[in-house]
Amino acid sequence: MEIKDLKGLSIQELQDKLNELSKQLMELHFKRRSNVEKPHLFNKIKKDIARIHTVINQK
């Protein structure tokens, strides 16, 4: 997900996407106990969440 894509979304859409990513991150944390297949997703989701927070703060 790139910032260009996020800037075109409304604040409500950004908050919805933020909630969705937070749920995905929480599910990955639960799966961490049983060896996650794709551990790189932790960093990817965290960075996407940070990007969304940045765009929300800019608006």
PDB file of N, CA and C in Angstrom:
ATOM      1  N   MET A   1       0.843  -1.160   0.000  1.00  0.00           N
ATOM      2  CA  MET A   1       0.000   0.000   0.000  1.00  0.00           C
ATOM      3  C   MET A   1       0.902   1.241   0.000  1.00  0.00           C
ATOM      4  N   GLU A   2       0.628   2.155  -0.906  1.00  0.00           N
ATOM      5  CA  GLU A   2       1.451   3.348  -1.019  1.00  0.00           C
ATOM      6  C   GLU A   2       0.688   4.569  -0.526  1.00  0.00           C
ATOM      7  N   ILE A   3       1.414   5.584  -0.154  1.00  0.00           N
ATOM      8  CA  ILE A   3       0.805   6.804   0.372  1.00  0.00           C
ATOM      9  C   ILE A   3      -0.061   7.467  -0.691  1.00  0.00           C
ATOM     10  N   LYS A   4       0.352   7.377  -1.961  1.00  0.00           N
ATOM     11  CA  LYS A   4      -0.448   7.966  -3.040  1.00  0.00           C
ATOM     12  C   LYS A   4      -1.864   7.395  -3.025  1.00  0.00           C
ATOM     13  N   ASP A   5      -1.954   6.091  -2.829  1.00  0.00           N
ATOM     14  CA  ASP A   5      -3.260   5.432  -2.802  1.00  0.00           C
ATOM     15  C   ASP A   5      -4.072   5.876  -1.589  1.00  0.00           C
ATOM     16  N   LEU A   6      -3.402   6.043  -0.464  1.00  0.00           N
ATOM     17  CA  LEU A   6      -4.092   6.392   0.771  1.00  0.00           C
ATOM     18  C   LEU A   6      -4.607   7.827   0.767  1.00  0.00           C
ATOM     19  N   LYS A   7      -3.881   8.718   0.120  1.00  0.00           N
ATOM     20  CA  LYS A   7      -4.294  10.127   0.112  1.00  0.00           C
ATOM     21  C   LYS A   7      -5.603  10.337  -0.634  1.00  0.00           C
ATOM     22  N   GLY A   8      -5.948   9.424  -1.515  1.00  0.00           N
ATOM     23  CA  GLY A   8      -7.191   9.541  -2.266  1.00  0.00           C
ATOM     24  C   GLY A   8      -8.409   9.056  -1.502  1.00  0.00           C
ATOM     25  N   LEU A   9      -8.195   8.437  -0.343  1.00  0.00           N
ATOM     26  CA  LEU A   9      -9.307   7.895   0.434  1.00  0.00           C
ATOM     27  C   LEU A   9      -9.818   8.916   1.444  1.00  0.00           C
ATOM     28  N   SER A  10     -11.085   8.777   1.818  1.00  0.00           N
ATOM     29  CA  SER A  10     -11.648   9.651   2.844  1.00  0.00           C
ATOM     30  C   SER A  10     -11.180   9.183   4.217  1.00  0.00           C
ATOM     31  N   ILE A  11     -11.396  10.019   5.224  1.00  0.00           N
ATOM     32  CA  ILE A  11     -10.969   9.670   6.576  1.00  0.00           C
ATOM     33  C   ILE A  11     -11.706   8.430   7.073  1.00  0.00           C
ATOM     34  N   GLN A  12     -12.978   8.310   6.748  1.00  0.00           N
ATOM     35  CA  GLN A  12     -13.743   7.128   7.168  1.00  0.00           C
ATOM     36  C   GLN A  12     -13.177   5.860   6.532  1.00  0.00           C
ATOM     37  N   GLU A  13     -12.833   5.923   5.256  1.00  0.00           N
ATOM     38  CA  GLU A  13     -12.245   4.763   4.581  1.00  0.00           C
ATOM     39  C   GLU A  13     -10.884   4.412   5.187  1.00  0.00           C
ATOM     40  N   LEU A  14     -10.120   5.438   5.547  1.00  0.00           N
ATOM     41  CA  LEU A  14      -8.824   5.201   6.177  1.00  0.00           C
ATOM     42  C   LEU A  14      -8.986   4.527   7.537  1.00  0.00           C
ATOM     43  N   GLN A  15      -9.974   4.970   8.297  1.00  0.00           N
ATOM     44  CA  GLN A  15     -10.212   4.370   9.600  1.00  0.00           C
ATOM     45  C   GLN A  15     -10.689   2.924   9.467  1.00  0.00           C
ATOM     46  N   ASP A  16     -11.502   2.657   8.453  1.00  0.00           N
ATOM     47  CA  ASP A  16     -11.941   1.282   8.206  1.00  0.00           C
ATOM     48  C   ASP A  16     -10.752   0.392   7.851  1.00  0.00           C
ATOM     49  N   LYS A  17      -9.877   0.900   7.004  1.00  0.00           N
ATOM     50  CA  LYS A  17      -8.690   0.141   6.604  1.00  0.00           C
ATOM     51  C   LYS A  17      -7.768  -0.064   7.806  1.00  0.00           C
ATOM     52  N   LEU A  18      -7.683   0.948   8.672  1.00  0.00           N
ATOM     53  CA  LEU A  18      -6.868   0.849   9.877  1.00  0.00           C
ATOM     54  C   LEU A  18      -7.401  -0.245  10.804  1.00  0.00           C
ATOM     55  N   ASN A  19      -8.713  -0.301  10.971  1.00  0.00           N
ATOM     56  CA  ASN A  19      -9.323  -1.345  11.792  1.00  0.00           C
ATOM     57  C   ASN A  19      -9.059  -2.727  11.206  1.00  0.00           C
ATOM     58  N   GLU A  20      -9.170  -2.834   9.900  1.00  0.00           N
ATOM     59  CA  GLU A  20      -8.938  -4.112   9.228  1.00  0.00           C
ATOM     60  C   GLU A  20      -7.494  -4.585   9.433  1.00  0.00           C
ATOM     61  N   LEU A  21      -6.535  -3.673   9.265  1.00  0.00           N
ATOM     62  CA  LEU A  21      -5.126  -4.032   9.438  1.00  0.00           C
ATOM     63  C   LEU A  21      -4.814  -4.371  10.890  1.00  0.00           C
ATOM     64  N   SER A  22      -5.437  -3.670  11.818  1.00  0.00           N
ATOM     65  CA  SER A  22      -5.216  -3.964  13.234  1.00  0.00           C
ATOM     66  C   SER A  22      -5.704  -5.367  13.576  1.00  0.00           C
ATOM     67  N   LYS A  23      -6.843  -5.751  13.004  1.00  0.00           N
ATOM     68  CA  LYS A  23      -7.364  -7.106  13.227  1.00  0.00           C
ATOM     69  C   LYS A  23      -6.429  -8.150  12.633  1.00  0.00           C
ATOM     70  N   GLN A  24      -5.898  -7.875  11.440  1.00  0.00           N
ATOM     71  CA  GLN A  24      -4.955  -8.809  10.809  1.00  0.00           C
ATOM     72  C   GLN A  24      -3.702  -8.968  11.662  1.00  0.00           C
ATOM     73  N   LEU A  25      -3.207  -7.861  12.205  1.00  0.00           N
ATOM     74  CA  LEU A  25      -2.013  -7.907  13.035  1.00  0.00           C
ATOM     75  C   LEU A  25      -2.278  -8.709  14.309  1.00  0.00           C
ATOM     76  N   MET A  26      -3.443  -8.515  14.902  1.00  0.00           N
ATOM     77  CA  MET A  26      -3.795  -9.251  16.103  1.00  0.00           C
ATOM     78  C   MET A  26      -3.874 -10.753  15.813  1.00  0.00           C
ATOM     79  N   GLU A  27      -4.463 -11.118  14.674  1.00  0.00           N
ATOM     80  CA  GLU A  27      -4.545 -12.527  14.297  1.00  0.00           C
ATOM     81  C   GLU A  27      -3.149 -13.119  14.090  1.00  0.00           C
ATOM     82  N   LEU A  28      -2.244 -12.338  13.500  1.00  0.00           N
ATOM     83  CA  LEU A  28      -0.876 -12.816  13.309  1.00  0.00           C
ATOM     84  C   LEU A  28      -0.174 -13.034  14.653  1.00  0.00           C
ATOM     85  N   HIS A  29      -0.453 -12.156  15.620  1.00  0.00           N
ATOM     86  CA  HIS A  29       0.140 -12.324  16.936  1.00  0.00           C
ATOM     87  C   HIS A  29      -0.346 -13.613  17.585  1.00  0.00           C
ATOM     88  N   PHE A  30      -1.615 -13.952  17.396  1.00  0.00           N
ATOM     89  CA  PHE A  30      -2.139 -15.199  17.942  1.00  0.00           C
ATOM     90  C   PHE A  30      -1.520 -16.405  17.245  1.00  0.00           C
ATOM     91  N   LYS A  31      -1.284 -16.277  15.940  1.00  0.00           N
ATOM     92  CA  LYS A  31      -0.691 -17.376  15.178  1.00  0.00           C
ATOM     93  C   LYS A  31       0.800 -17.516  15.442  1.00  0.00           C
ATOM     94  N   ARG A  32       1.415 -16.477  15.976  1.00  0.00           N
ATOM     95  CA  ARG A  32       2.858 -16.482  16.206  1.00  0.00           C
ATOM     96  C   ARG A  32       3.271 -17.658  17.093  1.00  0.00           C
ATOM     97  N   ARG A  33       2.400 -18.028  17.999  1.00  0.00           N
ATOM     98  CA  ARG A  33       2.693 -19.138  18.905  1.00  0.00           C
ATOM     99  C   ARG A  33       2.852 -20.451  18.142  1.00  0.00           C
ATOM    100  N   SER A  34       2.157 -20.552  17.010  1.00  0.00           N
ATOM    101  CA  SER A  34       2.200 -21.804  16.248  1.00  0.00           C
ATOM    102  C   SER A  34       2.918 -21.620  14.911  1.00  0.00           C
ATOM    103  N   ASN A  35       3.991 -20.855  14.921  1.00  0.00           N
ATOM    104  CA  ASN A  35       4.824 -20.636  13.731  1.00  0.00           C
ATOM    105  C   ASN A  35       4.056 -20.068  12.546  1.00  0.00           C
ATOM    106  N   VAL A  36       4.189 -18.793  12.348  1.00  0.00           N
ATOM    107  CA  VAL A  36       3.551 -18.093  11.244  1.00  0.00           C
ATOM    108  C   VAL A  36       4.249 -18.476   9.938  1.00  0.00           C
ATOM    109  N   GLU A  37       3.459 -18.713   8.902  1.00  0.00           N
ATOM    110  CA  GLU A  37       4.028 -19.071   7.609  1.00  0.00           C
ATOM    111  C   GLU A  37       4.757 -17.902   6.953  1.00  0.00           C
ATOM    112  N   LYS A  38       4.247 -16.703   7.164  1.00  0.00           N
ATOM    113  CA  LYS A  38       4.811 -15.517   6.510  1.00  0.00           C
ATOM    114  C   LYS A  38       5.160 -14.457   7.558  1.00  0.00           C
ATOM    115  N   PRO A  39       6.292 -14.586   8.218  1.00  0.00           N
ATOM    116  CA  PRO A  39       6.644 -13.638   9.279  1.00  0.00           C
ATOM    117  C   PRO A  39       6.901 -12.216   8.777  1.00  0.00           C
ATOM    118  N   HIS A  40       7.165 -12.047   7.498  1.00  0.00           N
ATOM    119  CA  HIS A  40       7.392 -10.702   6.963  1.00  0.00           C
ATOM    120  C   HIS A  40       6.131  -9.847   7.007  1.00  0.00           C
ATOM    121  N   LEU A  41       4.980 -10.467   7.175  1.00  0.00           N
ATOM    122  CA  LEU A  41       3.725  -9.715   7.213  1.00  0.00           C
ATOM    123  C   LEU A  41       3.628  -8.822   8.445  1.00  0.00           C
ATOM    124  N   PHE A  42       4.310  -9.185   9.537  1.00  0.00           N
ATOM    125  CA  PHE A  42       4.284  -8.337  10.732  1.00  0.00           C
ATOM    126  C   PHE A  42       4.780  -6.939  10.391  1.00  0.00           C
ATOM    127  N   ASN A  43       5.958  -6.860   9.794  1.00  0.00           N
ATOM    128  CA  ASN A  43       6.522  -5.557   9.457  1.00  0.00           C
ATOM    129  C   ASN A  43       5.701  -4.841   8.403  1.00  0.00           C
ATOM    130  N   LYS A  44       5.195  -5.560   7.423  1.00  0.00           N
ATOM    131  CA  LYS A  44       4.411  -4.948   6.353  1.00  0.00           C
ATOM    132  C   LYS A  44       3.145  -4.304   6.917  1.00  0.00           C
ATOM    133  N   ILE A  45       2.443  -5.029   7.773  1.00  0.00           N
ATOM    134  CA  ILE A  45       1.198  -4.505   8.345  1.00  0.00           C
ATOM    135  C   ILE A  45       1.485  -3.326   9.263  1.00  0.00           C
ATOM    136  N   LYS A  46       2.538  -3.417  10.064  1.00  0.00           N
ATOM    137  CA  LYS A  46       2.886  -2.309  10.956  1.00  0.00           C
ATOM    138  C   LYS A  46       3.213  -1.047  10.167  1.00  0.00           C
ATOM    139  N   LYS A  47       3.923  -1.192   9.060  1.00  0.00           N
ATOM    140  CA  LYS A  47       4.268  -0.035   8.232  1.00  0.00           C
ATOM    141  C   LYS A  47       3.034   0.551   7.561  1.00  0.00           C
ATOM    142  N   ASP A  48       2.112  -0.320   7.124  1.00  0.00           N
ATOM    143  CA  ASP A  48       0.871   0.168   6.522  1.00  0.00           C
ATOM    144  C   ASP A  48       0.044   0.940   7.552  1.00  0.00           C
ATOM    145  N   ILE A  49       0.007   0.451   8.780  1.00  0.00           N
ATOM    146  CA  ILE A  49      -0.720   1.149   9.845  1.00  0.00           C
ATOM    147  C   ILE A  49      -0.092   2.520  10.085  1.00  0.00           C
ATOM    148  N   ALA A  50       1.226   2.583  10.111  1.00  0.00           N
ATOM    149  CA  ALA A  50       1.916   3.866  10.314  1.00  0.00           C
ATOM    150  C   ALA A  50       1.629   4.827   9.164  1.00  0.00           C
ATOM    151  N   ARG A  51       1.592   4.307   7.935  1.00  0.00           N
ATOM    152  CA  ARG A  51       1.273   5.162   6.779  1.00  0.00           C
ATOM    153  C   ARG A  51      -0.133   5.739   6.900  1.00  0.00           C
ATOM    154  N   ILE A  52      -1.077   4.911   7.321  1.00  0.00           N
ATOM    155  CA  ILE A  52      -2.452   5.385   7.458  1.00  0.00           C
ATOM    156  C   ILE A  52      -2.535   6.466   8.535  1.00  0.00           C
ATOM    157  N   HIS A  53      -1.851   6.257   9.659  1.00  0.00           N
ATOM    158  CA  HIS A  53      -1.834   7.283  10.715  1.00  0.00           C
ATOM    159  C   HIS A  53      -1.235   8.587  10.195  1.00  0.00           C
ATOM    160  N   THR A  54      -0.204   8.499   9.387  1.00  0.00           N
ATOM    161  CA  THR A  54       0.424   9.682   8.840  1.00  0.00           C
ATOM    162  C   THR A  54      -0.542  10.448   7.943  1.00  0.00           C
ATOM    163  N   VAL A  55      -1.250   9.742   7.080  1.00  0.00           N
ATOM    164  CA  VAL A  55      -2.187  10.395   6.158  1.00  0.00           C
ATOM    165  C   VAL A  55      -3.342  11.009   6.934  1.00  0.00           C
ATOM    166  N   ILE A  56      -3.832  10.323   7.956  1.00  0.00           N
ATOM    167  CA  ILE A  56      -4.927  10.867   8.773  1.00  0.00           C
ATOM    168  C   ILE A  56      -4.479  12.148   9.467  1.00  0.00           C
ATOM    169  N   ASN A  57      -3.255  12.153   9.998  1.00  0.00           N
ATOM    170  CA  ASN A  57      -2.757  13.353  10.673  1.00  0.00           C
ATOM    171  C   ASN A  57      -2.534  14.506   9.710  1.00  0.00           C
ATOM    172  N   GLN A  58      -2.221  14.220   8.457  1.00  0.00           N
ATOM    173  CA  GLN A  58      -2.024  15.274   7.473  1.00  0.00           C
ATOM    174  C   GLN A  58      -3.347  15.913   7.041  1.00  0.00           C
ATOM    175  N   LYS A  59      -4.441  15.171   7.157  1.00  0.00           N
ATOM    176  CA  LYS A  59      -5.740  15.727   6.752  1.00  0.00           C
ATOM    177  C   LYS A  59      -6.336  16.495   7.844  1.00  0.00           C
TER     178      LYS A  59
END
